[in-house]
Protein backbone atom coordinates (compact mmCIF):
# COMPACT_ATOMS: atom_id res chain seq x y z
CA PHE A 1 98.49 98.11 88.75
CA PRO A 2 96.73 94.71 88.42
CA SER A 3 98.81 91.56 88.02
CA HIS A 4 98.55 89.06 85.16
CA ASP A 5 96.82 86.68 87.58
CA THR A 6 94.19 89.29 88.47
CA LEU A 7 93.49 90.03 84.82
CA GLU A 8 93.23 86.33 84.06
CA LYS A 9 90.71 85.88 86.90
CA VAL A 10 88.61 88.75 85.54
CA LYS A 11 88.68 87.20 82.06
CA ASN A 12 87.62 83.82 83.48
CA ASN A 13 84.76 85.45 85.35
CA LEU A 14 83.62 87.11 82.14
CA ASP A 15 83.72 83.74 80.36
CA THR A 16 81.62 82.23 83.15
CA LEU A 17 79.07 85.03 82.94
CA GLU A 18 78.82 84.71 79.19
CA ALA A 19 78.34 80.95 79.40
CA ASN A 20 75.71 80.92 82.17
CA LEU A 21 73.53 83.98 81.73
CA PRO A 22 70.26 83.41 79.83
CA ASP A 23 70.31 84.51 76.20
CA ASN A 24 67.31 86.81 76.64
CA PHE A 25 69.06 88.58 79.55
CA ILE A 26 72.24 89.00 77.50
CA ASN A 27 70.28 90.31 74.50
CA THR A 28 68.14 92.69 76.56
CA TYR A 29 71.14 94.44 78.09
CA LYS A 30 73.48 93.88 75.11
CA LEU A 31 75.90 92.12 77.44
CA ASP A 32 77.58 90.25 74.60
CA VAL A 33 78.95 93.54 73.27
CA LYS A 34 79.97 94.75 76.72
CA ILE A 35 81.68 91.47 77.62
CA SER A 36 83.51 91.42 74.29
CA LYS A 37 84.72 94.98 74.86
CA ALA A 38 85.82 94.12 78.42
CA LYS A 39 87.86 91.17 77.10
CA GLU A 40 89.48 93.49 74.58
CA TYR A 41 90.47 95.81 77.43
CA MET A 42 91.91 92.82 79.31
CA SER A 43 94.14 92.03 76.34
CA ILE A 44 95.32 95.64 76.09
CA ALA A 45 96.01 95.72 79.84
CA ASN A 46 98.09 92.55 79.58
CA ILE A 47 100.20 94.09 76.84
CA ALA A 48 100.66 97.28 78.90
CA LEU A 49 101.56 95.23 81.96
CA GLU A 50 104.34 93.46 80.08
CA ARG A 51 105.92 96.85 79.26
CA PHE A 52 105.04 98.63 82.50
CA ASP A 53 108.52 98.51 84.08
CA GLU A 54 110.17 99.66 80.87
CA ILE A 55 107.69 102.49 80.22
CA PHE A 56 108.04 103.86 83.74
CA GLY A 57 111.83 103.73 83.75
CA LYS A 58 112.47 101.03 86.32
CA THR A 59 116.11 100.59 85.28
CA SER A 60 116.75 103.76 83.22
CA PRO A 61 114.97 107.11 82.79
CA LYS A 62 112.59 107.58 79.86
CA THR A 63 111.27 110.67 78.07
CA TYR A 64 107.97 110.78 76.20
CA ALA A 65 106.19 113.36 74.09
CA LEU A 66 102.42 113.73 74.51
CA PHE A 67 100.75 115.77 71.77
CA PHE A 68 97.40 117.45 72.41
CA ALA A 69 95.41 117.46 69.16
CA ASN A 70 92.44 119.75 68.73
CA ASN A 71 90.19 117.57 66.58
CA HIS A 72 87.78 120.49 66.20
CA GLU A 73 90.47 121.87 63.87
CA LEU A 74 90.92 118.95 61.51
CA ARG A 75 94.15 117.37 60.34
CA PRO A 76 94.44 113.85 58.87
CA GLY A 77 96.28 112.56 61.95
CA GLY A 78 93.73 113.62 64.55
CA GLY A 79 93.77 117.40 64.70
CA PHE A 80 95.78 120.59 65.00
CA ILE A 81 98.56 120.23 67.61
CA GLY A 82 98.13 123.25 69.86
CA SER A 83 100.22 122.06 72.79
CA PHE A 84 102.43 119.19 73.84
CA ALA A 85 103.94 117.80 77.00
CA LEU A 86 107.29 116.24 77.75
CA ILE A 87 106.99 113.53 80.38
CA LYS A 88 109.97 112.01 82.17
CA THR A 89 109.69 108.74 84.07
CA GLU A 90 112.21 107.03 86.34
CA LYS A 91 112.06 104.39 89.06
CA LEU A 92 108.41 103.59 88.26
CA LYS A 93 107.25 107.19 88.75
CA ILE A 94 106.44 110.20 86.61
CA GLN A 95 109.24 112.52 87.68
CA GLU A 96 108.43 115.52 85.46
CA TRP A 97 105.47 116.70 83.39
CA ARG A 98 105.94 119.93 81.45
CA ILE A 99 103.50 121.43 78.94
CA TYR A 100 104.60 123.63 76.02
CA ASP A 101 102.63 125.94 73.74
CA VAL A 102 103.33 124.74 70.21
CA TYR A 103 103.82 128.31 68.98
CA ASP A 104 106.71 128.79 71.41
CA ALA A 105 108.41 125.77 69.83
CA ASP A 106 107.51 126.62 66.23
CA GLY A 107 108.83 130.15 66.71
CA GLN A 108 112.31 128.67 67.20
CA LEU A 109 112.42 126.81 63.88
CA LYS A 110 115.38 128.29 62.02
CA ALA A 111 115.38 126.35 58.75
CA ARG A 112 112.47 126.19 56.33
CA VAL A 113 110.74 122.82 56.14
CA ILE A 114 108.73 122.29 52.94
CA PRO A 115 105.09 121.55 53.83
CA PRO A 116 102.85 118.93 52.22
CA ALA A 117 101.21 120.25 49.06
CA ALA A 118 97.77 120.54 50.68
CA ILE A 119 99.10 122.88 53.39
CA SER A 120 100.78 125.21 50.90
CA THR A 121 97.83 125.07 48.49
CA TYR A 122 94.79 125.26 50.78
CA LEU A 123 96.17 126.87 53.93
CA ARG A 124 98.53 129.04 51.87
CA GLN A 125 101.40 128.40 54.26
CA PRO A 126 104.91 128.25 52.75
CA PHE A 127 106.36 126.63 55.88
CA PHE A 128 105.80 123.34 57.72
CA PHE A 129 105.67 123.36 61.52
CA LEU A 130 105.09 120.97 64.41
CA ARG A 131 101.53 122.29 64.81
CA ASP A 132 100.54 120.86 61.40
CA SER A 133 102.70 117.72 61.54
CA ALA A 134 99.79 115.31 62.16
CA PHE A 135 99.34 115.09 58.41
CA SER A 136 99.26 111.33 57.94
CA PRO A 137 96.42 109.07 59.08
CA ASP A 138 99.18 106.80 60.44
CA PHE A 139 100.29 107.91 63.91
CA PRO A 140 103.75 106.24 63.93
CA THR A 141 104.55 108.21 60.77
CA ASN A 142 103.38 111.45 62.40
CA ALA A 143 105.36 110.67 65.56
CA ILE A 144 108.62 110.45 63.58
CA VAL A 145 107.89 113.80 61.90
CA ALA A 146 106.94 115.42 65.22
CA GLU A 147 110.07 114.14 66.96
CA ASP A 148 112.16 115.59 64.12
CA PHE A 149 110.51 118.97 64.71
CA LEU A 150 111.33 118.74 68.44
CA LYS A 151 114.98 118.27 67.49
CA LYS A 152 114.95 121.15 65.00
CA GLU A 153 112.99 123.57 67.18
CA LEU A 154 114.03 122.83 70.75
CA GLY A 155 117.12 120.65 70.34
CA ILE A 156 115.35 117.78 72.10
CA ASN A 157 116.84 114.37 71.39
CA GLY A 158 116.28 110.93 72.83
CA ILE A 159 112.48 110.75 72.84
CA ASP A 160 111.62 107.19 73.91
CA GLY A 161 108.02 107.25 72.76
CA ALA A 162 105.17 109.46 71.63
CA PHE A 163 101.45 109.63 72.32
CA MET A 164 98.60 111.76 71.04
CA ILE A 165 95.32 112.60 72.72
CA THR A 166 92.46 114.47 71.06
CA PHE A 167 90.35 117.05 72.83
CA SER A 168 87.28 114.84 72.41
CA SER A 169 89.10 112.15 74.40
CA ILE A 170 89.79 114.64 77.17
CA GLU A 171 86.11 115.63 77.18
CA LYS A 172 85.11 111.97 77.54
CA MET A 173 87.50 111.55 80.47
CA ILE A 174 85.92 114.57 82.18
CA ARG A 175 82.46 113.10 81.54
CA GLU A 176 83.48 109.88 83.31
CA LEU A 177 85.37 111.57 86.15
CA GLY A 178 82.73 114.18 86.82
CA PRO A 179 83.06 117.99 87.05
CA ILE A 180 86.53 119.32 87.88
CA TYR A 181 86.76 122.48 89.97
CA ILE A 182 89.89 124.54 89.32
CA PRO A 183 90.34 126.98 92.20
CA GLU A 184 93.12 128.94 90.46
CA TYR A 185 90.60 129.95 87.79
CA ARG A 186 87.48 129.91 89.99
CA THR A 187 85.73 127.73 87.44
CA THR A 188 84.29 124.26 87.09
CA ILE A 189 85.08 122.22 83.97
CA THR A 190 82.38 119.83 82.77
CA TYR A 191 81.97 117.60 79.72
CA GLU A 192 79.61 120.19 78.23
CA ASN A 193 81.77 123.30 78.74
CA ALA A 194 85.32 121.89 78.52
CA TYR A 195 86.02 123.06 74.97
CA TYR A 196 84.50 126.51 75.45
CA LYS A 197 86.28 127.08 78.78
CA THR A 198 89.63 125.91 77.40
CA GLN A 199 89.32 128.19 74.37
CA THR A 200 88.31 131.09 76.62
CA PHE A 201 91.18 130.75 79.09
CA ALA A 202 93.68 129.98 76.32
CA GLU A 203 92.80 132.73 73.87
CA GLU A 204 90.97 135.57 75.63
CA ASN A 205 93.24 138.66 75.74
CA PHE A 206 96.05 136.55 74.27
CA PHE A 207 99.27 138.36 73.34
CA PRO A 208 102.56 137.13 71.82
CA GLY A 209 104.67 135.49 74.52
CA SER A 210 101.66 134.79 76.74
CA THR A 211 101.79 131.50 78.68
CA GLN A 212 98.09 131.45 79.52
CA LYS A 213 97.23 128.47 77.27
CA LYS A 214 99.88 126.12 78.62
CA ASP A 215 99.28 127.38 82.15
CA PHE A 216 95.58 126.53 81.96
CA LEU A 217 96.17 123.12 80.35
CA ASP A 218 98.86 122.32 82.91
CA THR A 219 96.48 123.17 85.76
CA LEU A 220 93.60 121.22 84.21
């Protein structure tokens, strides 16, 4: 991971570029926007760097929840939560990464949780589950609700932080990384086919108790 000094040198180099490049060159290639965005990333990286040791459990283990939101199936907080991962870090390493199918967790909810009015009215669901918990446009609010569901459904306590990633974000990562060949499934995942392939391997011939969705996501 880069040091503060390295990030500061990059920022200084960007300042130098911005100050010395001809205006017509900057305007032609829209470098002002790109340099501004790069500086924004530098600021974010500095913040992350300050918390790096803590996040990766340098002195004590940490547990995080990562929620996968299908933004093709809309919810106010980013999308329908179809799966989630529990990630454990310790001694500056990811020690464990385990993916769960949300239906496996929701199936263990013993007490009824009253859903938001829109869910009961428009989806005609009398119950509230983790899968629909991204119901606020404010992620910290959704994270608290989701962590409460993890306690109720799986008895999981002590979550140190939560993250959400939408499927569109995953597609963009694949576009930047290039095609990903998955030998276990004899298939290649690309930016163009990622959603279709994921839906196919997750849902084709699905049956109650099947682990095929989480198995495919874990492999990908």
